Amino acid sequence: MKKLVLFLGILIAIGLSSCNRGNRDNVLLSRTFPTASWERFDFVKNDIEVKKTASYDLVLQASFDTSYTYDHLSVVFTLFDAYDNPFRAKAYQFRLKDKDGNWKSTLMDGCYHFSFPINNEITINEPGVYTFQLENHMPITPLYGIKEIALISNK
């Protein structure tokens, strides 16, 4: 019995020691960075087939380890329509630290986790395959200290 309890404790510790946020519903795109670095033109993208009118509330989720030295994250979100034309594109800058350099999140599992709204009720009216894309828009490349980034739909 003691071995079983020890084994289960080890499994739980392993599960909690990762920066990966695990399975999430409604993930439109996601990337884990095993080396905790993201190159400037290494786009994170995914094709989603839309069969009927769909509306999305988009949220950016990101995780950073303690080696991330910047106080913000800059990304460009682009949605390409079924004909590969930019349907929506916007640059975002998210504050990760306050003016004193303190993280605006609690360190958990070795990472700071953030969720930021991107766009509420973005509607796609025409069926087809759409490409959701995130671009690293930070001036320094590679961007060190980022562990994971994802685009989630709350609808």
N, C-alpha and C. Protein backbone atom coordinates (compact mmCIF):
# COMPACT_ATOMS: atom_id res chain seq x y z
N MET A 1 0.82 -1.19 0.00
CA MET A 1 0.00 0.00 0.00
C MET A 1 0.87 1.27 0.00
N LYS A 2 1.95 1.24 0.79
CA LYS A 2 2.84 2.41 0.83
C LYS A 2 3.45 2.66 -0.53
N LYS A 3 3.79 1.58 -1.25
CA LYS A 3 4.37 1.75 -2.59
C LYS A 3 3.36 2.37 -3.55
N LEU A 4 2.10 1.98 -3.43
CA LEU A 4 1.07 2.54 -4.29
C LEU A 4 0.90 4.03 -4.01
N VAL A 5 0.87 4.41 -2.74
CA VAL A 5 0.73 5.82 -2.38
C VAL A 5 1.93 6.61 -2.88
N LEU A 6 3.14 6.06 -2.72
CA LEU A 6 4.35 6.71 -3.21
C LEU A 6 4.32 6.86 -4.72
N PHE A 7 3.91 5.80 -5.42
CA PHE A 7 3.82 5.84 -6.88
C PHE A 7 2.83 6.91 -7.34
N LEU A 8 1.66 6.97 -6.73
CA LEU A 8 0.66 7.98 -7.09
C LEU A 8 1.17 9.39 -6.78
N GLY A 9 1.88 9.55 -5.68
CA GLY A 9 2.47 10.85 -5.35
C GLY A 9 3.48 11.30 -6.38
N ILE A 10 4.30 10.36 -6.87
CA ILE A 10 5.29 10.68 -7.90
C ILE A 10 4.59 11.08 -9.19
N LEU A 11 3.55 10.36 -9.59
CA LEU A 11 2.81 10.71 -10.80
C LEU A 11 2.20 12.10 -10.70
N ILE A 12 1.64 12.43 -9.57
CA ILE A 12 1.05 13.76 -9.39
C ILE A 12 2.13 14.83 -9.45
N ALA A 13 3.27 14.59 -8.82
CA ALA A 13 4.37 15.56 -8.84
C ALA A 13 4.88 15.79 -10.26
N ILE A 14 4.99 14.72 -11.04
CA ILE A 14 5.44 14.86 -12.43
C ILE A 14 4.42 15.68 -13.22
N GLY A 15 3.16 15.43 -13.01
CA GLY A 15 2.12 16.17 -13.72
C GLY A 15 2.11 17.64 -13.37
N LEU A 16 2.42 17.97 -12.13
CA LEU A 16 2.41 19.36 -11.70
C LEU A 16 3.70 20.11 -12.01
N SER A 17 4.75 19.40 -12.38
CA SER A 17 6.04 20.05 -12.59
C SER A 17 6.21 20.61 -13.99
N SER A 18 5.22 20.51 -14.81
CA SER A 18 5.33 20.97 -16.19
C SER A 18 4.63 22.31 -16.37
N CYS A 19 5.16 23.14 -17.28
CA CYS A 19 4.51 24.41 -17.60
C CYS A 19 3.32 24.21 -18.52
N ASN A 20 3.21 23.05 -19.13
CA ASN A 20 2.11 22.79 -20.06
C ASN A 20 0.80 22.84 -19.30
N ARG A 21 -0.18 23.53 -19.84
CA ARG A 21 -1.45 23.71 -19.15
C ARG A 21 -2.39 22.54 -19.38
N GLY A 22 -1.93 21.50 -20.05
CA GLY A 22 -2.73 20.30 -20.21
C GLY A 22 -3.80 20.43 -21.27
N ASN A 23 -4.75 19.51 -21.23
CA ASN A 23 -5.82 19.49 -22.22
C ASN A 23 -6.78 20.65 -21.97
N ARG A 24 -7.15 21.32 -23.03
CA ARG A 24 -8.11 22.40 -22.95
C ARG A 24 -9.11 22.22 -24.08
N ASP A 25 -10.36 22.50 -23.79
CA ASP A 25 -11.38 22.45 -24.83
C ASP A 25 -11.25 23.68 -25.71
N ASN A 26 -11.68 23.55 -26.94
CA ASN A 26 -11.76 24.66 -27.88
C ASN A 26 -10.42 25.31 -28.20
N VAL A 27 -9.38 24.52 -28.29
CA VAL A 27 -8.07 25.03 -28.67
C VAL A 27 -8.04 25.19 -30.18
N LEU A 28 -7.83 26.43 -30.64
CA LEU A 28 -7.75 26.69 -32.07
C LEU A 28 -6.32 26.50 -32.59
N LEU A 29 -5.35 26.86 -31.77
CA LEU A 29 -3.95 26.60 -32.10
C LEU A 29 -3.16 26.60 -30.81
N SER A 30 -2.06 25.87 -30.82
CA SER A 30 -1.25 25.75 -29.63
C SER A 30 0.17 25.35 -30.01
N ARG A 31 1.13 25.87 -29.26
CA ARG A 31 2.53 25.48 -29.47
C ARG A 31 3.23 25.46 -28.13
N THR A 32 3.93 24.39 -27.85
CA THR A 32 4.82 24.29 -26.70
C THR A 32 6.23 24.49 -27.22
N PHE A 33 7.02 25.27 -26.52
CA PHE A 33 8.40 25.56 -26.91
C PHE A 33 9.34 24.81 -25.97
N PRO A 34 9.80 23.61 -26.37
CA PRO A 34 10.64 22.80 -25.49
C PRO A 34 11.93 23.50 -25.06
N THR A 35 12.47 24.38 -25.92
CA THR A 35 13.70 25.10 -25.57
C THR A 35 13.41 26.47 -24.98
N ALA A 36 12.14 26.75 -24.71
CA ALA A 36 11.70 28.03 -24.14
C ALA A 36 12.16 29.22 -24.99
N SER A 37 12.07 29.06 -26.32
CA SER A 37 12.42 30.16 -27.21
C SER A 37 11.53 30.13 -28.45
N TRP A 38 11.19 31.34 -28.93
CA TRP A 38 10.30 31.49 -30.08
C TRP A 38 10.96 32.45 -31.06
N GLU A 39 11.23 31.98 -32.25
CA GLU A 39 11.85 32.80 -33.29
C GLU A 39 10.83 33.80 -33.85
N ARG A 40 11.33 34.92 -34.33
CA ARG A 40 10.49 36.03 -34.79
C ARG A 40 9.51 35.63 -35.91
N PHE A 41 9.97 34.89 -36.90
CA PHE A 41 9.09 34.55 -38.03
C PHE A 41 8.67 33.08 -38.03
N ASP A 42 8.67 32.48 -36.86
CA ASP A 42 8.18 31.11 -36.68
C ASP A 42 6.71 31.23 -36.27
N PHE A 43 5.83 31.34 -37.27
CA PHE A 43 4.41 31.56 -37.01
C PHE A 43 3.79 30.33 -36.37
N VAL A 44 2.90 30.56 -35.43
CA VAL A 44 2.11 29.50 -34.82
C VAL A 44 0.75 29.58 -35.50
N LYS A 45 0.40 28.54 -36.25
CA LYS A 45 -0.86 28.61 -36.99
C LYS A 45 -1.52 27.25 -37.09
N ASN A 46 -2.80 27.31 -37.41
CA ASN A 46 -3.59 26.10 -37.54
C ASN A 46 -4.76 26.37 -38.47
N ASP A 47 -5.08 25.40 -39.30
CA ASP A 47 -6.23 25.49 -40.20
C ASP A 47 -7.45 24.87 -39.52
N ILE A 48 -8.55 25.60 -39.55
CA ILE A 48 -9.80 25.15 -38.95
C ILE A 48 -10.87 25.14 -40.03
N GLU A 49 -11.54 24.01 -40.17
CA GLU A 49 -12.63 23.94 -41.14
C GLU A 49 -13.91 24.46 -40.50
N VAL A 50 -14.50 25.46 -41.11
CA VAL A 50 -15.76 26.05 -40.65
C VAL A 50 -16.84 25.59 -41.61
N LYS A 51 -17.81 24.85 -41.09
CA LYS A 51 -18.85 24.27 -41.95
C LYS A 51 -20.10 25.14 -42.02
N LYS A 52 -20.30 25.96 -41.01
CA LYS A 52 -21.46 26.86 -40.99
C LYS A 52 -21.06 28.12 -40.23
N THR A 53 -21.92 29.12 -40.22
CA THR A 53 -21.62 30.36 -39.52
C THR A 53 -21.17 30.05 -38.10
N ALA A 54 -20.04 30.65 -37.71
CA ALA A 54 -19.49 30.40 -36.38
C ALA A 54 -19.04 31.71 -35.76
N SER A 55 -19.20 31.81 -34.46
CA SER A 55 -18.77 32.99 -33.73
C SER A 55 -17.79 32.54 -32.64
N TYR A 56 -16.70 33.29 -32.49
CA TYR A 56 -15.65 32.92 -31.55
C TYR A 56 -15.36 34.07 -30.61
N ASP A 57 -15.19 33.79 -29.33
CA ASP A 57 -14.59 34.70 -28.36
C ASP A 57 -13.18 34.18 -28.17
N LEU A 58 -12.19 34.92 -28.65
CA LEU A 58 -10.81 34.43 -28.67
C LEU A 58 -10.02 34.91 -27.47
N VAL A 59 -9.26 33.99 -26.88
CA VAL A 59 -8.42 34.26 -25.73
C VAL A 59 -7.03 33.73 -26.01
N LEU A 60 -6.02 34.56 -25.77
CA LEU A 60 -4.63 34.13 -25.88
C LEU A 60 -4.19 33.64 -24.51
N GLN A 61 -3.64 32.44 -24.46
CA GLN A 61 -3.06 31.91 -23.24
C GLN A 61 -1.57 31.73 -23.47
N ALA A 62 -0.77 32.13 -22.50
CA ALA A 62 0.68 32.02 -22.63
C ALA A 62 1.30 31.69 -21.28
N SER A 63 2.39 30.94 -21.33
CA SER A 63 3.14 30.57 -20.13
C SER A 63 4.60 30.95 -20.31
N PHE A 64 5.20 31.49 -19.25
CA PHE A 64 6.58 31.97 -19.28
C PHE A 64 7.32 31.41 -18.09
N ASP A 65 8.60 31.07 -18.30
CA ASP A 65 9.41 30.68 -17.15
C ASP A 65 10.12 31.91 -16.62
N THR A 66 10.90 31.73 -15.56
CA THR A 66 11.52 32.87 -14.88
C THR A 66 12.63 33.52 -15.69
N SER A 67 13.04 32.91 -16.80
CA SER A 67 14.09 33.51 -17.63
C SER A 67 13.56 34.59 -18.58
N TYR A 68 12.25 34.76 -18.64
CA TYR A 68 11.66 35.79 -19.51
C TYR A 68 11.95 37.15 -18.91
N THR A 69 12.68 38.00 -19.62
CA THR A 69 13.17 39.26 -19.05
C THR A 69 12.33 40.49 -19.40
N TYR A 70 11.39 40.38 -20.29
CA TYR A 70 10.62 41.54 -20.74
C TYR A 70 9.39 41.74 -19.87
N ASP A 71 8.84 42.94 -19.89
CA ASP A 71 7.64 43.22 -19.10
C ASP A 71 6.36 43.04 -19.89
N HIS A 72 6.48 42.68 -21.17
CA HIS A 72 5.30 42.54 -22.01
C HIS A 72 5.53 41.45 -23.07
N LEU A 73 4.47 41.13 -23.77
CA LEU A 73 4.52 40.23 -24.92
C LEU A 73 3.78 40.93 -26.06
N SER A 74 4.42 41.01 -27.21
CA SER A 74 3.78 41.58 -28.40
C SER A 74 3.56 40.47 -29.42
N VAL A 75 2.33 40.34 -29.89
CA VAL A 75 1.99 39.35 -30.90
C VAL A 75 1.10 40.00 -31.95
N VAL A 76 1.08 39.41 -33.12
CA VAL A 76 0.12 39.78 -34.16
C VAL A 76 -0.78 38.58 -34.38
N PHE A 77 -2.08 38.81 -34.26
CA PHE A 77 -3.06 37.77 -34.56
C PHE A 77 -3.62 38.04 -35.95
N THR A 78 -3.59 37.01 -36.80
CA THR A 78 -4.17 37.13 -38.15
C THR A 78 -5.08 35.94 -38.39
N LEU A 79 -6.22 36.24 -38.96
CA LEU A 79 -7.16 35.20 -39.40
C LEU A 79 -7.26 35.31 -40.92
N PHE A 80 -6.88 34.24 -41.60
CA PHE A 80 -6.94 34.21 -43.06
C PHE A 80 -8.23 33.51 -43.46
N ASP A 81 -8.91 34.08 -44.47
CA ASP A 81 -10.17 33.49 -44.92
C ASP A 81 -9.92 32.26 -45.78
N ALA A 82 -11.00 31.70 -46.29
CA ALA A 82 -10.92 30.47 -47.07
C ALA A 82 -10.13 30.63 -48.36
N TYR A 83 -9.87 31.87 -48.77
CA TYR A 83 -9.11 32.13 -49.99
C TYR A 83 -7.68 32.59 -49.68
N ASP A 84 -7.25 32.42 -48.44
CA ASP A 84 -5.91 32.76 -47.95
C ASP A 84 -5.66 34.26 -47.92
N ASN A 85 -6.72 35.04 -47.84
CA ASN A 85 -6.60 36.49 -47.69
C ASN A 85 -6.74 36.84 -46.20
N PRO A 86 -5.97 37.81 -45.71
CA PRO A 86 -6.13 38.21 -44.31
C PRO A 86 -7.54 38.74 -44.06
N PHE A 87 -8.26 38.07 -43.21
CA PHE A 87 -9.65 38.41 -42.88
C PHE A 87 -9.66 39.39 -41.71
N ARG A 88 -8.80 39.15 -40.75
CA ARG A 88 -8.59 40.02 -39.61
C ARG A 88 -7.11 40.00 -39.27
N ALA A 89 -6.56 41.12 -38.90
CA ALA A 89 -5.17 41.19 -38.44
C ALA A 89 -5.05 42.34 -37.46
N LYS A 90 -4.39 42.06 -36.33
CA LYS A 90 -4.23 43.10 -35.33
C LYS A 90 -3.02 42.77 -34.46
N ALA A 91 -2.26 43.83 -34.14
CA ALA A 91 -1.12 43.69 -33.22
C ALA A 91 -1.62 43.93 -31.80
N TYR A 92 -1.10 43.12 -30.87
CA TYR A 92 -1.47 43.23 -29.46
C TYR A 92 -0.20 43.32 -28.62
N GLN A 93 -0.29 44.07 -27.53
CA GLN A 93 0.79 44.10 -26.57
C GLN A 93 0.17 43.86 -25.19
N PHE A 94 0.64 42.81 -24.53
CA PHE A 94 0.10 42.42 -23.24
C PHE A 94 1.14 42.66 -22.14
N ARG A 95 0.74 43.34 -21.10
CA ARG A 95 1.62 43.61 -19.95
C ARG A 95 1.68 42.37 -19.06
N LEU A 96 2.89 41.90 -18.80
CA LEU A 96 3.11 40.72 -17.97
C LEU A 96 3.61 41.09 -16.58
N LYS A 97 4.23 42.27 -16.48
CA LYS A 97 4.81 42.72 -15.21
C LYS A 97 4.34 44.14 -14.91
N ASP A 98 4.30 44.48 -13.63
CA ASP A 98 3.92 45.83 -13.26
C ASP A 98 5.11 46.79 -13.42
N LYS A 99 4.91 48.05 -13.08
CA LYS A 99 5.96 49.06 -13.29
C LYS A 99 7.21 48.79 -12.45
N ASP A 100 7.09 47.99 -11.39
CA ASP A 100 8.24 47.65 -10.55
C ASP A 100 8.92 46.36 -11.00
N GLY A 101 8.42 45.76 -12.08
CA GLY A 101 9.03 44.54 -12.60
C GLY A 101 8.50 43.26 -11.98
N ASN A 102 7.42 43.34 -11.21
CA ASN A 102 6.83 42.16 -10.59
C ASN A 102 5.82 41.52 -11.55
N TRP A 103 5.86 40.20 -11.62
CA TRP A 103 4.94 39.48 -12.49
C TRP A 103 3.50 39.73 -12.07
N LYS A 104 2.59 39.82 -13.03
CA LYS A 104 1.17 40.00 -12.77
C LYS A 104 0.46 38.65 -12.70
N SER A 105 1.20 37.63 -12.33
CA SER A 105 0.69 36.28 -12.21
C SER A 105 1.47 35.59 -11.10
N THR A 106 0.93 34.52 -10.59
CA THR A 106 1.60 33.74 -9.55
C THR A 106 2.39 32.61 -10.20
N LEU A 107 3.60 32.40 -9.73
CA LEU A 107 4.42 31.29 -10.23
C LEU A 107 3.77 29.98 -9.83
N MET A 108 3.47 29.16 -10.83
CA MET A 108 2.84 27.86 -10.59
C MET A 108 3.44 26.85 -11.56
N ASP A 109 3.87 25.73 -11.05
CA ASP A 109 4.48 24.68 -11.87
C ASP A 109 5.71 25.20 -12.61
N GLY A 110 6.41 26.17 -12.02
CA GLY A 110 7.62 26.70 -12.64
C GLY A 110 7.37 27.75 -13.72
N CYS A 111 6.10 28.14 -13.89
CA CYS A 111 5.76 29.12 -14.94
C CYS A 111 4.75 30.13 -14.44
N TYR A 112 4.74 31.27 -15.14
CA TYR A 112 3.70 32.27 -14.95
C TYR A 112 2.72 32.09 -16.09
N HIS A 113 1.43 31.93 -15.77
CA HIS A 113 0.39 31.66 -16.77
C HIS A 113 -0.50 32.89 -16.92
N PHE A 114 -0.82 33.22 -18.17
CA PHE A 114 -1.66 34.38 -18.46
C PHE A 114 -2.75 34.01 -19.46
N SER A 115 -3.88 34.71 -19.36
CA SER A 115 -4.97 34.65 -20.34
C SER A 115 -5.37 36.07 -20.67
N PHE A 116 -5.41 36.38 -21.97
CA PHE A 116 -5.75 37.71 -22.44
C PHE A 116 -6.82 37.62 -23.53
N PRO A 117 -7.85 38.47 -23.45
CA PRO A 117 -8.85 38.49 -24.53
C PRO A 117 -8.23 39.04 -25.81
N ILE A 118 -8.55 38.42 -26.93
CA ILE A 118 -8.06 38.86 -28.24
C ILE A 118 -9.20 39.54 -29.01
N ASN A 119 -10.31 38.86 -29.11
CA ASN A 119 -11.42 39.39 -29.90
C ASN A 119 -12.71 38.73 -29.43
N ASN A 120 -13.71 39.53 -29.10
CA ASN A 120 -15.00 38.98 -28.71
C ASN A 120 -15.92 38.91 -29.92
N GLU A 121 -16.56 37.78 -30.06
CA GLU A 121 -17.55 37.54 -31.10
C GLU A 121 -17.07 37.85 -32.50
N ILE A 122 -15.94 37.28 -32.86
CA ILE A 122 -15.50 37.34 -34.25
C ILE A 122 -16.35 36.32 -35.00
N THR A 123 -17.02 36.75 -36.05
CA THR A 123 -17.97 35.89 -36.75
C THR A 123 -17.43 35.52 -38.12
N ILE A 124 -17.55 34.25 -38.44
CA ILE A 124 -17.19 33.72 -39.76
C ILE A 124 -18.49 33.26 -40.40
N ASN A 125 -18.86 33.91 -41.50
CA ASN A 125 -20.15 33.64 -42.13
C ASN A 125 -20.09 32.63 -43.27
N GLU A 126 -18.93 32.51 -43.90
CA GLU A 126 -18.81 31.68 -45.09
C GLU A 126 -18.05 30.38 -44.77
N PRO A 127 -18.61 29.23 -45.13
CA PRO A 127 -17.90 27.97 -44.88
C PRO A 127 -16.57 27.92 -45.63
N GLY A 128 -15.64 27.16 -45.07
CA GLY A 128 -14.33 26.99 -45.69
C GLY A 128 -13.27 26.71 -44.64
N VAL A 129 -12.04 26.62 -45.09
CA VAL A 129 -10.91 26.38 -44.19
C VAL A 129 -10.25 27.73 -43.90
N TYR A 130 -10.21 28.09 -42.63
CA TYR A 130 -9.64 29.36 -42.18
C TYR A 130 -8.36 29.07 -41.41
N THR A 131 -7.38 29.96 -41.55
CA THR A 131 -6.11 29.80 -40.86
C THR A 131 -6.03 30.83 -39.73
N PHE A 132 -5.86 30.33 -38.52
CA PHE A 132 -5.64 31.16 -37.35
C PHE A 132 -4.13 31.21 -37.13
N GLN A 133 -3.58 32.41 -36.95
CA GLN A 133 -2.12 32.54 -36.86
C GLN A 133 -1.71 33.55 -35.79
N LEU A 134 -0.67 33.20 -35.03
CA LEU A 134 -0.02 34.11 -34.08
C LEU A 134 1.41 34.30 -34.52
N GLU A 135 1.85 35.54 -34.45
CA GLU A 135 3.22 35.90 -34.84
C GLU A 135 3.92 36.57 -33.67
N ASN A 136 5.13 36.15 -33.38
CA ASN A 136 5.97 36.80 -32.37
C ASN A 136 6.31 38.19 -32.92
N HIS A 137 5.91 39.23 -32.21
CA HIS A 137 6.14 40.59 -32.68
C HIS A 137 7.12 41.35 -31.77
N MET A 138 7.90 40.61 -31.00
CA MET A 138 8.90 41.22 -30.12
C MET A 138 10.13 41.58 -30.97
N PRO A 139 10.83 42.65 -30.62
CA PRO A 139 11.97 43.09 -31.44
C PRO A 139 13.21 42.22 -31.32
N ILE A 140 13.29 41.40 -30.28
CA ILE A 140 14.47 40.56 -30.06
C ILE A 140 14.13 39.13 -30.46
N THR A 141 15.02 38.50 -31.19
CA THR A 141 14.79 37.11 -31.59
C THR A 141 16.05 36.29 -31.36
N PRO A 142 15.96 35.08 -30.89
CA PRO A 142 14.72 34.46 -30.44
C PRO A 142 14.25 35.04 -29.11
N LEU A 143 12.98 34.84 -28.84
CA LEU A 143 12.38 35.29 -27.60
C LEU A 143 12.53 34.17 -26.58
N TYR A 144 13.38 34.39 -25.58
CA TYR A 144 13.65 33.37 -24.57
C TYR A 144 12.69 33.48 -23.39
N GLY A 145 12.34 32.35 -22.82
CA GLY A 145 11.53 32.30 -21.61
C GLY A 145 10.07 31.99 -21.85
N ILE A 146 9.65 31.90 -23.10
CA ILE A 146 8.25 31.54 -23.38
C ILE A 146 8.18 30.02 -23.49
N LYS A 147 7.23 29.44 -22.80
CA LYS A 147 7.10 27.98 -22.75
C LYS A 147 5.95 27.47 -23.60
N GLU A 148 4.87 28.24 -23.66
CA GLU A 148 3.70 27.77 -24.39
C GLU A 148 2.83 28.95 -24.77
N ILE A 149 2.18 28.83 -25.92
CA ILE A 149 1.22 29.84 -26.35
C ILE A 149 0.06 29.11 -27.02
N ALA A 150 -1.15 29.63 -26.82
CA ALA A 150 -2.33 28.99 -27.39
C ALA A 150 -3.41 30.04 -27.66
N LEU A 151 -4.23 29.74 -28.61
CA LEU A 151 -5.41 30.54 -28.89
C LEU A 151 -6.62 29.67 -28.62
N ILE A 152 -7.46 30.15 -27.72
CA ILE A 152 -8.60 29.37 -27.24
C ILE A 152 -9.89 30.10 -27.64
N SER A 153 -10.92 29.34 -27.96
CA SER A 153 -12.24 29.91 -28.19
C SER A 153 -13.12 29.61 -26.98
N ASN A 154 -13.72 30.66 -26.43
CA ASN A 154 -14.62 30.47 -25.29
C ASN A 154 -16.04 30.12 -25.74
N LYS A 155 -16.26 30.02 -27.04
CA LYS A 155 -17.59 29.63 -27.56
C LYS A 155 -17.46 28.36 -28.32
